[in-house]
Amino acid sequence: MDDFIGKEFDVKILKINEERKNIVVSRRELLEDDRAGKRAAILQEVHKGDMKTGVVKNITDFGAFVDLGGLDGLLHITDMSWKRISHPSEMLSIGQSIEVMIIDIDEEKSRVSLGLKQKTSDPWQNIDEKYPARSKVKGKVVNLMPYGAFIEIEEGVEGLIHVSEMSWTKRVTRAADILSVGDEIEAIIL
């Protein structure tokens, strides 16, 4: 609190007790009122599809909260990238300035949903033309499950090689018996 000594602030009077000669004031309430006004103004001016620059305010397991200049929006982990990410901190850090797309607005609850991946085209669009059946692809093993391996063939596009498709001669019971995360392999699109 020493930082506030000797400085002047506008405050809101909350209570006056004349008997005790005591006045209770709040700076926070003024700041909250100001923020509510800014939030209402921003909600009026933004539309779905708009691009806004904001600052990452907080990171959670499910996403990041971005301050758009008085209005906080949620950038959900599923709207950050077309590729698989484990935690939002892989892409963002607190205090980072980012440009996001407004993907949804709930005016009743004063909530805005944001997206990063929506700024780029969906890699799954026209996927059958890019990778027709029987074509050979190169990719990297990004995840192993007992039933198969997920192979990233481009950012945001993963395919599954089921254990039954891993060998003609051996009976494979677990994908990890043959492959490891990070392996570069060739495969055929079935």
N, C-alpha and C. Protein backbone atom coordinates (compact mmCIF):
# COMPACT_ATOMS: atom_id res chain seq x y z
N MET A 1 0.81 -1.21 0.00
CA MET A 1 0.00 0.00 0.00
C MET A 1 0.85 1.27 0.00
N ASP A 2 2.14 1.13 0.30
CA ASP A 2 3.01 2.31 0.35
C ASP A 2 3.06 3.05 -0.99
N ASP A 3 2.83 2.34 -2.09
CA ASP A 3 2.86 2.96 -3.42
C ASP A 3 1.78 4.03 -3.57
N PHE A 4 0.72 3.95 -2.78
CA PHE A 4 -0.39 4.89 -2.90
C PHE A 4 -0.21 6.15 -2.07
N ILE A 5 0.72 6.16 -1.13
CA ILE A 5 0.91 7.30 -0.24
C ILE A 5 1.38 8.51 -1.04
N GLY A 6 0.71 9.64 -0.83
CA GLY A 6 1.07 10.89 -1.47
C GLY A 6 0.49 11.07 -2.87
N LYS A 7 -0.26 10.11 -3.36
CA LYS A 7 -0.84 10.21 -4.70
C LYS A 7 -2.32 10.57 -4.59
N GLU A 8 -2.83 11.22 -5.64
CA GLU A 8 -4.25 11.60 -5.67
C GLU A 8 -5.01 10.68 -6.61
N PHE A 9 -6.21 10.29 -6.17
CA PHE A 9 -7.07 9.43 -6.96
C PHE A 9 -8.51 9.91 -6.86
N ASP A 10 -9.27 9.68 -7.91
CA ASP A 10 -10.71 9.86 -7.82
C ASP A 10 -11.25 8.63 -7.11
N VAL A 11 -12.19 8.85 -6.19
CA VAL A 11 -12.79 7.75 -5.44
C VAL A 11 -14.30 7.96 -5.36
N LYS A 12 -14.99 6.88 -5.04
CA LYS A 12 -16.44 6.92 -4.86
C LYS A 12 -16.72 6.83 -3.37
N ILE A 13 -17.57 7.72 -2.86
CA ILE A 13 -17.92 7.68 -1.44
C ILE A 13 -18.96 6.59 -1.25
N LEU A 14 -18.64 5.65 -0.37
CA LEU A 14 -19.55 4.54 -0.10
C LEU A 14 -20.40 4.78 1.14
N LYS A 15 -19.80 5.38 2.17
CA LYS A 15 -20.52 5.55 3.43
C LYS A 15 -19.92 6.71 4.20
N ILE A 16 -20.81 7.50 4.82
CA ILE A 16 -20.36 8.59 5.69
C ILE A 16 -20.96 8.34 7.07
N ASN A 17 -20.08 8.31 8.07
CA ASN A 17 -20.53 8.16 9.44
C ASN A 17 -20.11 9.43 10.17
N GLU A 18 -21.11 10.36 10.36
CA GLU A 18 -20.80 11.66 10.96
C GLU A 18 -20.42 11.53 12.43
N GLU A 19 -21.03 10.58 13.14
CA GLU A 19 -20.72 10.41 14.57
C GLU A 19 -19.23 10.10 14.76
N ARG A 20 -18.72 9.19 13.97
CA ARG A 20 -17.33 8.78 14.11
C ARG A 20 -16.38 9.65 13.28
N LYS A 21 -16.97 10.54 12.49
CA LYS A 21 -16.19 11.37 11.57
C LYS A 21 -15.35 10.47 10.66
N ASN A 22 -16.07 9.58 10.00
CA ASN A 22 -15.44 8.56 9.18
C ASN A 22 -16.12 8.50 7.81
N ILE A 23 -15.32 8.44 6.76
CA ILE A 23 -15.85 8.31 5.40
C ILE A 23 -15.18 7.08 4.77
N VAL A 24 -16.00 6.19 4.21
CA VAL A 24 -15.49 5.01 3.52
C VAL A 24 -15.57 5.28 2.01
N VAL A 25 -14.44 5.14 1.33
CA VAL A 25 -14.38 5.41 -0.11
C VAL A 25 -13.84 4.17 -0.84
N SER A 26 -14.09 4.16 -2.14
CA SER A 26 -13.59 3.04 -2.94
C SER A 26 -13.07 3.54 -4.29
N ARG A 27 -11.85 3.20 -4.56
CA ARG A 27 -11.29 3.47 -5.88
C ARG A 27 -11.69 2.35 -6.83
N ARG A 28 -11.75 1.14 -6.30
CA ARG A 28 -12.08 -0.03 -7.11
C ARG A 28 -13.44 0.09 -7.77
N GLU A 29 -14.43 0.61 -7.03
CA GLU A 29 -15.77 0.73 -7.61
C GLU A 29 -15.78 1.67 -8.80
N LEU A 30 -15.00 2.76 -8.72
CA LEU A 30 -14.90 3.66 -9.88
C LEU A 30 -14.25 2.95 -11.06
N LEU A 31 -13.19 2.20 -10.78
CA LEU A 31 -12.52 1.47 -11.84
C LEU A 31 -13.45 0.43 -12.46
N GLU A 32 -14.23 -0.26 -11.62
CA GLU A 32 -15.17 -1.26 -12.12
C GLU A 32 -16.28 -0.61 -12.95
N ASP A 33 -16.77 0.55 -12.51
CA ASP A 33 -17.79 1.27 -13.28
C ASP A 33 -17.23 1.68 -14.64
N ASP A 34 -15.98 2.17 -14.62
CA ASP A 34 -15.34 2.58 -15.87
C ASP A 34 -15.17 1.38 -16.80
N ARG A 35 -14.74 0.26 -16.22
CA ARG A 35 -14.55 -0.97 -17.02
C ARG A 35 -15.88 -1.46 -17.58
N ALA A 36 -16.95 -1.37 -16.79
CA ALA A 36 -18.28 -1.80 -17.27
C ALA A 36 -18.72 -0.92 -18.45
N GLY A 37 -18.43 0.36 -18.37
CA GLY A 37 -18.76 1.26 -19.48
C GLY A 37 -17.98 0.93 -20.74
N LYS A 38 -16.69 0.65 -20.56
CA LYS A 38 -15.86 0.26 -21.70
C LYS A 38 -16.35 -1.05 -22.30
N ARG A 39 -16.70 -2.01 -21.41
CA ARG A 39 -17.17 -3.32 -21.85
C ARG A 39 -18.44 -3.18 -22.69
N ALA A 40 -19.37 -2.35 -22.23
CA ALA A 40 -20.62 -2.12 -22.97
C ALA A 40 -20.34 -1.48 -24.32
N ALA A 41 -19.42 -0.52 -24.35
CA ALA A 41 -19.08 0.16 -25.60
C ALA A 41 -18.44 -0.81 -26.59
N ILE A 42 -17.53 -1.65 -26.10
CA ILE A 42 -16.87 -2.61 -26.99
C ILE A 42 -17.88 -3.62 -27.51
N LEU A 43 -18.79 -4.09 -26.64
CA LEU A 43 -19.80 -5.05 -27.08
C LEU A 43 -20.67 -4.49 -28.20
N GLN A 44 -20.91 -3.19 -28.17
CA GLN A 44 -21.72 -2.55 -29.21
C GLN A 44 -20.98 -2.45 -30.54
N GLU A 45 -19.66 -2.34 -30.48
CA GLU A 45 -18.90 -2.09 -31.71
C GLU A 45 -18.31 -3.35 -32.36
N VAL A 46 -18.26 -4.48 -31.64
CA VAL A 46 -17.67 -5.69 -32.23
C VAL A 46 -18.75 -6.56 -32.88
N HIS A 47 -18.32 -7.29 -33.90
CA HIS A 47 -19.20 -8.21 -34.63
C HIS A 47 -18.44 -9.50 -34.89
N LYS A 48 -19.19 -10.58 -35.09
CA LYS A 48 -18.56 -11.85 -35.44
C LYS A 48 -17.71 -11.65 -36.68
N GLY A 49 -16.51 -12.22 -36.64
CA GLY A 49 -15.61 -12.12 -37.78
C GLY A 49 -14.63 -10.97 -37.68
N ASP A 50 -14.87 -10.02 -36.77
CA ASP A 50 -13.94 -8.89 -36.60
C ASP A 50 -12.61 -9.38 -36.06
N MET A 51 -11.54 -8.67 -36.43
CA MET A 51 -10.22 -8.93 -35.89
C MET A 51 -9.94 -7.85 -34.84
N LYS A 52 -9.46 -8.26 -33.67
CA LYS A 52 -9.12 -7.34 -32.59
C LYS A 52 -7.76 -7.71 -32.02
N THR A 53 -7.04 -6.71 -31.57
CA THR A 53 -5.77 -6.95 -30.88
C THR A 53 -6.02 -6.87 -29.39
N GLY A 54 -5.48 -7.81 -28.67
CA GLY A 54 -5.64 -7.84 -27.22
C GLY A 54 -4.38 -8.34 -26.55
N VAL A 55 -4.44 -8.35 -25.23
CA VAL A 55 -3.30 -8.79 -24.42
C VAL A 55 -3.73 -10.00 -23.59
N VAL A 56 -2.92 -11.05 -23.61
CA VAL A 56 -3.21 -12.25 -22.82
C VAL A 56 -3.12 -11.88 -21.35
N LYS A 57 -4.25 -12.06 -20.65
CA LYS A 57 -4.36 -11.65 -19.26
C LYS A 57 -4.15 -12.82 -18.31
N ASN A 58 -4.65 -14.01 -18.71
CA ASN A 58 -4.57 -15.18 -17.85
C ASN A 58 -4.58 -16.43 -18.72
N ILE A 59 -3.86 -17.46 -18.28
CA ILE A 59 -3.83 -18.74 -19.00
C ILE A 59 -4.31 -19.83 -18.05
N THR A 60 -5.25 -20.65 -18.55
CA THR A 60 -5.77 -21.77 -17.76
C THR A 60 -5.56 -23.05 -18.57
N ASP A 61 -5.96 -24.18 -18.01
CA ASP A 61 -5.84 -25.45 -18.74
C ASP A 61 -6.74 -25.48 -19.97
N PHE A 62 -7.86 -24.76 -19.93
CA PHE A 62 -8.83 -24.83 -21.02
C PHE A 62 -8.72 -23.69 -22.02
N GLY A 63 -7.84 -22.72 -21.78
CA GLY A 63 -7.72 -21.61 -22.72
C GLY A 63 -7.02 -20.41 -22.11
N ALA A 64 -7.26 -19.25 -22.72
CA ALA A 64 -6.63 -18.02 -22.26
C ALA A 64 -7.67 -16.90 -22.29
N PHE A 65 -7.56 -16.00 -21.31
CA PHE A 65 -8.42 -14.82 -21.29
C PHE A 65 -7.61 -13.66 -21.87
N VAL A 66 -8.23 -12.98 -22.83
CA VAL A 66 -7.57 -11.90 -23.55
C VAL A 66 -8.31 -10.60 -23.30
N ASP A 67 -7.58 -9.57 -22.85
CA ASP A 67 -8.16 -8.25 -22.60
C ASP A 67 -8.18 -7.49 -23.92
N LEU A 68 -9.39 -7.14 -24.36
CA LEU A 68 -9.56 -6.42 -25.62
C LEU A 68 -9.70 -4.92 -25.38
N GLY A 69 -9.18 -4.43 -24.27
CA GLY A 69 -9.26 -3.01 -23.96
C GLY A 69 -10.48 -2.67 -23.13
N GLY A 70 -10.77 -3.48 -22.15
CA GLY A 70 -11.93 -3.24 -21.28
C GLY A 70 -12.91 -4.40 -21.28
N LEU A 71 -12.75 -5.31 -22.20
CA LEU A 71 -13.61 -6.50 -22.29
C LEU A 71 -12.71 -7.71 -22.40
N ASP A 72 -12.93 -8.68 -21.53
CA ASP A 72 -12.15 -9.92 -21.59
C ASP A 72 -12.88 -10.93 -22.46
N GLY A 73 -12.13 -11.58 -23.34
CA GLY A 73 -12.68 -12.63 -24.17
C GLY A 73 -11.96 -13.92 -23.89
N LEU A 74 -12.65 -15.04 -24.11
CA LEU A 74 -12.05 -16.36 -23.90
C LEU A 74 -11.57 -16.93 -25.22
N LEU A 75 -10.30 -17.26 -25.25
CA LEU A 75 -9.71 -17.97 -26.38
C LEU A 75 -9.56 -19.41 -25.92
N HIS A 76 -10.52 -20.27 -26.33
CA HIS A 76 -10.53 -21.66 -25.89
C HIS A 76 -9.39 -22.42 -26.56
N ILE A 77 -8.84 -23.42 -25.87
CA ILE A 77 -7.71 -24.18 -26.39
C ILE A 77 -8.02 -24.79 -27.75
N THR A 78 -9.28 -25.17 -27.99
CA THR A 78 -9.64 -25.78 -29.28
C THR A 78 -9.69 -24.76 -30.41
N ASP A 79 -9.68 -23.47 -30.09
CA ASP A 79 -9.70 -22.42 -31.10
C ASP A 79 -8.35 -21.74 -31.28
N MET A 80 -7.29 -22.33 -30.70
CA MET A 80 -5.96 -21.73 -30.80
C MET A 80 -5.20 -22.19 -32.04
N SER A 81 -5.34 -23.45 -32.38
CA SER A 81 -4.55 -23.99 -33.48
C SER A 81 -5.28 -25.16 -34.12
N TRP A 82 -5.03 -25.37 -35.41
CA TRP A 82 -5.61 -26.53 -36.09
C TRP A 82 -4.89 -27.79 -35.64
N LYS A 83 -3.65 -27.65 -35.14
CA LYS A 83 -2.92 -28.84 -34.69
C LYS A 83 -3.23 -29.10 -33.22
N ARG A 84 -2.83 -30.25 -32.76
CA ARG A 84 -3.07 -30.66 -31.39
C ARG A 84 -2.08 -29.95 -30.46
N ILE A 85 -2.62 -29.31 -29.41
CA ILE A 85 -1.74 -28.74 -28.37
C ILE A 85 -2.22 -29.25 -27.02
N SER A 86 -1.28 -29.45 -26.12
CA SER A 86 -1.61 -30.01 -24.80
C SER A 86 -2.04 -28.94 -23.81
N HIS A 87 -1.42 -27.76 -23.92
CA HIS A 87 -1.71 -26.69 -22.97
C HIS A 87 -1.56 -25.35 -23.68
N PRO A 88 -2.42 -24.36 -23.36
CA PRO A 88 -2.33 -23.05 -24.01
C PRO A 88 -0.96 -22.37 -23.88
N SER A 89 -0.22 -22.70 -22.83
CA SER A 89 1.10 -22.07 -22.63
C SER A 89 2.10 -22.49 -23.70
N GLU A 90 1.78 -23.51 -24.51
CA GLU A 90 2.65 -23.89 -25.63
C GLU A 90 2.65 -22.81 -26.70
N MET A 91 1.55 -22.02 -26.75
CA MET A 91 1.42 -21.01 -27.80
C MET A 91 1.43 -19.58 -27.28
N LEU A 92 1.02 -19.39 -26.02
CA LEU A 92 0.82 -18.04 -25.49
C LEU A 92 1.55 -17.84 -24.17
N SER A 93 1.77 -16.56 -23.84
CA SER A 93 2.31 -16.22 -22.52
C SER A 93 1.57 -14.98 -22.01
N ILE A 94 1.49 -14.85 -20.71
CA ILE A 94 0.79 -13.72 -20.10
C ILE A 94 1.52 -12.43 -20.48
N GLY A 95 0.74 -11.43 -20.89
CA GLY A 95 1.29 -10.15 -21.31
C GLY A 95 1.54 -10.05 -22.81
N GLN A 96 1.41 -11.18 -23.51
CA GLN A 96 1.64 -11.20 -24.95
C GLN A 96 0.50 -10.50 -25.68
N SER A 97 0.84 -9.70 -26.67
CA SER A 97 -0.15 -9.03 -27.51
C SER A 97 -0.44 -9.91 -28.72
N ILE A 98 -1.73 -10.19 -28.96
CA ILE A 98 -2.11 -11.07 -30.07
C ILE A 98 -3.31 -10.50 -30.82
N GLU A 99 -3.39 -10.85 -32.09
CA GLU A 99 -4.56 -10.49 -32.87
C GLU A 99 -5.46 -11.72 -32.94
N VAL A 100 -6.73 -11.54 -32.57
CA VAL A 100 -7.69 -12.64 -32.52
C VAL A 100 -8.92 -12.29 -33.34
N MET A 101 -9.68 -13.32 -33.68
CA MET A 101 -10.94 -13.13 -34.39
C MET A 101 -12.09 -13.31 -33.41
N ILE A 102 -13.09 -12.45 -33.50
CA ILE A 102 -14.31 -12.60 -32.69
C ILE A 102 -15.12 -13.70 -33.35
N ILE A 103 -15.34 -14.82 -32.63
CA ILE A 103 -16.10 -15.92 -33.25
C ILE A 103 -17.50 -16.06 -32.67
N ASP A 104 -17.75 -15.46 -31.50
CA ASP A 104 -19.11 -15.49 -30.95
C ASP A 104 -19.25 -14.39 -29.91
N ILE A 105 -20.48 -13.85 -29.82
CA ILE A 105 -20.77 -12.78 -28.85
C ILE A 105 -22.06 -13.15 -28.12
N ASP A 106 -21.99 -13.17 -26.79
CA ASP A 106 -23.18 -13.38 -25.96
C ASP A 106 -23.42 -12.07 -25.21
N GLU A 107 -24.30 -11.23 -25.76
CA GLU A 107 -24.52 -9.90 -25.18
C GLU A 107 -25.18 -9.98 -23.81
N GLU A 108 -26.04 -10.98 -23.59
CA GLU A 108 -26.71 -11.12 -22.29
C GLU A 108 -25.71 -11.33 -21.16
N LYS A 109 -24.72 -12.19 -21.41
CA LYS A 109 -23.73 -12.51 -20.38
C LYS A 109 -22.46 -11.68 -20.53
N SER A 110 -22.42 -10.77 -21.51
CA SER A 110 -21.23 -9.95 -21.79
C SER A 110 -20.00 -10.81 -22.01
N ARG A 111 -20.16 -11.87 -22.82
CA ARG A 111 -19.05 -12.77 -23.09
C ARG A 111 -18.71 -12.77 -24.57
N VAL A 112 -17.44 -12.86 -24.84
CA VAL A 112 -16.96 -12.91 -26.22
C VAL A 112 -16.05 -14.12 -26.36
N SER A 113 -16.31 -14.92 -27.40
CA SER A 113 -15.44 -16.05 -27.71
C SER A 113 -14.49 -15.64 -28.82
N LEU A 114 -13.23 -16.02 -28.65
CA LEU A 114 -12.19 -15.60 -29.59
C LEU A 114 -11.55 -16.81 -30.26
N GLY A 115 -10.92 -16.56 -31.41
CA GLY A 115 -10.25 -17.62 -32.13
C GLY A 115 -8.95 -17.14 -32.75
N LEU A 116 -7.97 -18.02 -32.75
CA LEU A 116 -6.71 -17.78 -33.46
C LEU A 116 -6.66 -18.60 -34.74
N LYS A 117 -7.09 -19.86 -34.64
CA LYS A 117 -6.98 -20.74 -35.80
C LYS A 117 -7.91 -20.29 -36.92
N GLN A 118 -8.97 -19.56 -36.60
CA GLN A 118 -9.91 -19.09 -37.60
C GLN A 118 -9.30 -18.05 -38.54
N LYS A 119 -8.14 -17.53 -38.18
CA LYS A 119 -7.45 -16.56 -39.04
C LYS A 119 -6.82 -17.23 -40.25
N THR A 120 -6.66 -18.55 -40.19
CA THR A 120 -6.09 -19.30 -41.31
C THR A 120 -7.12 -20.30 -41.82
N SER A 121 -6.91 -20.79 -43.02
CA SER A 121 -7.88 -21.72 -43.60
C SER A 121 -7.80 -23.09 -42.93
N ASP A 122 -8.92 -23.77 -42.92
CA ASP A 122 -9.03 -25.09 -42.32
C ASP A 122 -8.23 -26.08 -43.17
N PRO A 123 -7.21 -26.74 -42.60
CA PRO A 123 -6.40 -27.66 -43.39
C PRO A 123 -7.19 -28.89 -43.87
N TRP A 124 -8.37 -29.14 -43.28
CA TRP A 124 -9.18 -30.28 -43.68
C TRP A 124 -10.09 -29.95 -44.87
N GLN A 125 -10.11 -28.67 -45.27
CA GLN A 125 -10.92 -28.29 -46.42
C GLN A 125 -10.28 -28.89 -47.68
N ASN A 126 -11.06 -29.55 -48.48
CA ASN A 126 -10.60 -30.22 -49.72
C ASN A 126 -9.50 -31.24 -49.45
N ILE A 127 -9.57 -31.89 -48.31
CA ILE A 127 -8.52 -32.85 -47.92
C ILE A 127 -8.45 -34.02 -48.89
N ASP A 128 -9.60 -34.44 -49.43
CA ASP A 128 -9.62 -35.58 -50.35
C ASP A 128 -8.92 -35.27 -51.66
N GLU A 129 -8.87 -33.99 -52.03
CA GLU A 129 -8.15 -33.61 -53.25
C GLU A 129 -6.64 -33.53 -52.98
N LYS A 130 -6.28 -33.04 -51.80
CA LYS A 130 -4.86 -32.93 -51.43
C LYS A 130 -4.22 -34.29 -51.23
N TYR A 131 -4.98 -35.20 -50.60
CA TYR A 131 -4.46 -36.52 -50.27
C TYR A 131 -5.44 -37.59 -50.74
N PRO A 132 -5.44 -37.89 -52.03
CA PRO A 132 -6.38 -38.91 -52.52
C PRO A 132 -6.00 -40.30 -51.99
N ALA A 133 -6.99 -41.19 -51.95
CA ALA A 133 -6.75 -42.56 -51.50
C ALA A 133 -5.65 -43.19 -52.33
N ARG A 134 -4.82 -44.01 -51.69
CA ARG A 134 -3.68 -44.73 -52.26
C ARG A 134 -2.46 -43.84 -52.47
N SER A 135 -2.52 -42.55 -52.08
CA SER A 135 -1.33 -41.71 -52.23
C SER A 135 -0.37 -41.94 -51.06
N LYS A 136 0.92 -41.79 -51.35
CA LYS A 136 1.96 -42.00 -50.34
C LYS A 136 2.25 -40.66 -49.67
N VAL A 137 2.35 -40.68 -48.33
CA VAL A 137 2.63 -39.46 -47.57
C VAL A 137 3.75 -39.72 -46.58
N LYS A 138 4.42 -38.63 -46.18
CA LYS A 138 5.40 -38.70 -45.12
C LYS A 138 4.81 -37.94 -43.93
N GLY A 139 5.10 -38.42 -42.74
CA GLY A 139 4.58 -37.76 -41.56
C GLY A 139 5.38 -38.10 -40.33
N LYS A 140 4.97 -37.47 -39.24
CA LYS A 140 5.67 -37.63 -37.96
C LYS A 140 4.68 -38.20 -36.94
N VAL A 141 5.12 -39.19 -36.18
CA VAL A 141 4.29 -39.76 -35.12
C VAL A 141 4.14 -38.73 -34.02
N VAL A 142 2.88 -38.33 -33.73
CA VAL A 142 2.65 -37.31 -32.71
C VAL A 142 1.96 -37.85 -31.46
N ASN A 143 1.35 -39.03 -31.57
CA ASN A 143 0.67 -39.60 -30.40
C ASN A 143 0.55 -41.11 -30.59
N LEU A 144 0.74 -41.86 -29.52
CA LEU A 144 0.59 -43.31 -29.56
C LEU A 144 -0.52 -43.74 -28.62
N MET A 145 -1.37 -44.60 -29.11
CA MET A 145 -2.41 -45.22 -28.30
C MET A 145 -2.23 -46.72 -28.45
N PRO A 146 -2.79 -47.52 -27.56
CA PRO A 146 -2.64 -48.97 -27.71
C PRO A 146 -3.15 -49.48 -29.06
N TYR A 147 -4.18 -48.85 -29.60
CA TYR A 147 -4.81 -49.31 -30.84
C TYR A 147 -4.18 -48.74 -32.11
N GLY A 148 -3.25 -47.79 -31.99
CA GLY A 148 -2.64 -47.24 -33.20
C GLY A 148 -1.80 -46.00 -32.93
N ALA A 149 -1.31 -45.42 -34.03
CA ALA A 149 -0.45 -44.23 -33.95
C ALA A 149 -1.06 -43.11 -34.76
N PHE A 150 -1.02 -41.89 -34.22
CA PHE A 150 -1.47 -40.72 -34.95
C PHE A 150 -0.27 -40.08 -35.62
N ILE A 151 -0.41 -39.87 -36.93
CA ILE A 151 0.67 -39.34 -37.75
C ILE A 151 0.25 -37.97 -38.27
N GLU A 152 1.07 -36.94 -38.01
CA GLU A 152 0.80 -35.61 -38.54
C GLU A 152 1.44 -35.51 -39.92
N ILE A 153 0.58 -35.30 -40.96
CA ILE A 153 1.12 -35.21 -42.31
C ILE A 153 1.27 -33.76 -42.77
N GLU A 154 0.59 -32.85 -42.07
CA GLU A 154 0.82 -31.41 -42.21
C GLU A 154 0.23 -30.79 -40.96
N GLU A 155 0.55 -29.54 -40.68
CA GLU A 155 0.06 -28.91 -39.46
C GLU A 155 -1.47 -28.94 -39.44
N GLY A 156 -2.03 -29.59 -38.42
CA GLY A 156 -3.47 -29.66 -38.27
C GLY A 156 -4.12 -30.87 -38.92
N VAL A 157 -3.34 -31.68 -39.63
CA VAL A 157 -3.90 -32.87 -40.28
C VAL A 157 -3.17 -34.11 -39.77
N GLU A 158 -3.92 -34.93 -39.05
CA GLU A 158 -3.37 -36.16 -38.52
C GLU A 158 -4.19 -37.34 -39.04
N GLY A 159 -3.51 -38.43 -39.24
CA GLY A 159 -4.18 -39.66 -39.64
C GLY A 159 -3.83 -40.76 -38.65
N LEU A 160 -4.67 -41.77 -38.59
CA LEU A 160 -4.46 -42.89 -37.67
C LEU A 160 -3.97 -44.10 -38.45
N ILE A 161 -2.88 -44.68 -37.99
CA ILE A 161 -2.46 -45.98 -38.49
C ILE A 161 -2.87 -46.99 -37.42
N HIS A 162 -3.88 -47.77 -37.72
CA HIS A 162 -4.37 -48.77 -36.77
C HIS A 162 -3.33 -49.89 -36.65
N VAL A 163 -3.26 -50.54 -35.49
CA VAL A 163 -2.27 -51.61 -35.28
C VAL A 163 -2.42 -52.71 -36.33
N SER A 164 -3.63 -52.93 -36.82
CA SER A 164 -3.85 -53.98 -37.82
C SER A 164 -3.25 -53.62 -39.17
N GLU A 165 -2.85 -52.34 -39.37
CA GLU A 165 -2.26 -51.88 -40.63
C GLU A 165 -0.76 -51.65 -40.52
N MET A 166 -0.14 -52.08 -39.41
CA MET A 166 1.28 -51.79 -39.19
C MET A 166 2.23 -52.85 -39.74
N SER A 167 1.79 -54.06 -39.90
CA SER A 167 2.69 -55.10 -40.39
C SER A 167 1.90 -56.20 -41.09
N TRP A 168 2.50 -56.73 -42.18
CA TRP A 168 1.90 -57.87 -42.89
C TRP A 168 2.28 -59.17 -42.21
N THR A 169 3.44 -59.18 -41.56
CA THR A 169 3.99 -60.44 -41.06
C THR A 169 3.87 -60.62 -39.54
N LYS A 170 3.96 -59.52 -38.78
CA LYS A 170 3.90 -59.63 -37.32
C LYS A 170 2.50 -59.28 -36.83
N ARG A 171 2.13 -59.91 -35.74
CA ARG A 171 0.88 -59.53 -35.08
C ARG A 171 1.23 -58.44 -34.07
N VAL A 172 0.80 -57.20 -34.37
CA VAL A 172 1.12 -56.05 -33.51
C VAL A 172 -0.02 -55.87 -32.52
N THR A 173 0.31 -55.88 -31.23
CA THR A 173 -0.74 -55.69 -30.21
C THR A 173 -0.77 -54.27 -29.66
N ARG A 174 0.39 -53.60 -29.72
CA ARG A 174 0.47 -52.21 -29.26
C ARG A 174 1.30 -51.40 -30.26
N ALA A 175 0.84 -50.21 -30.59
CA ALA A 175 1.55 -49.35 -31.53
C ALA A 175 2.96 -49.03 -31.04
N ALA A 176 3.13 -48.91 -29.72
CA ALA A 176 4.43 -48.55 -29.14
C ALA A 176 5.48 -49.65 -29.34
N ASP A 177 5.04 -50.87 -29.71
CA ASP A 177 6.00 -51.94 -29.98
C ASP A 177 6.77 -51.69 -31.27
N ILE A 178 6.20 -50.87 -32.16
CA ILE A 178 6.82 -50.64 -33.47
C ILE A 178 7.27 -49.20 -33.66
N LEU A 179 6.49 -48.23 -33.14
CA LEU A 179 6.75 -46.81 -33.37
C LEU A 179 6.97 -46.05 -32.07
N SER A 180 7.61 -44.88 -32.19
CA SER A 180 7.80 -43.97 -31.06
C SER A 180 7.38 -42.58 -31.48
N VAL A 181 6.94 -41.77 -30.52
CA VAL A 181 6.59 -40.38 -30.80
C VAL A 181 7.83 -39.68 -31.36
N GLY A 182 7.65 -38.96 -32.46
CA GLY A 182 8.74 -38.25 -33.10
C GLY A 182 9.29 -38.96 -34.32
N ASP A 183 8.99 -40.27 -34.49
CA ASP A 183 9.46 -41.00 -35.66
C ASP A 183 8.90 -40.39 -36.94
N GLU A 184 9.75 -40.29 -37.96
CA GLU A 184 9.32 -39.85 -39.30
C GLU A 184 9.07 -41.13 -40.11
N ILE A 185 7.88 -41.23 -40.70
CA ILE A 185 7.54 -42.45 -41.42
C ILE A 185 6.83 -42.11 -42.74
N GLU A 186 6.75 -43.12 -43.60
CA GLU A 186 5.95 -43.06 -44.82
C GLU A 186 4.74 -43.93 -44.63
N ALA A 187 3.62 -43.51 -45.19
CA ALA A 187 2.39 -44.29 -45.09
C ALA A 187 1.57 -44.10 -46.36
N ILE A 188 0.55 -44.89 -46.49
CA ILE A 188 -0.39 -44.80 -47.62
C ILE A 188 -1.74 -44.37 -47.08
N ILE A 189 -2.37 -43.44 -47.79
CA ILE A 189 -3.73 -43.01 -47.42
C ILE A 189 -4.69 -44.13 -47.84
N LEU A 190 -5.42 -44.66 -46.89
CA LEU A 190 -6.40 -45.70 -47.20
C LEU A 190 -7.76 -45.10 -47.51
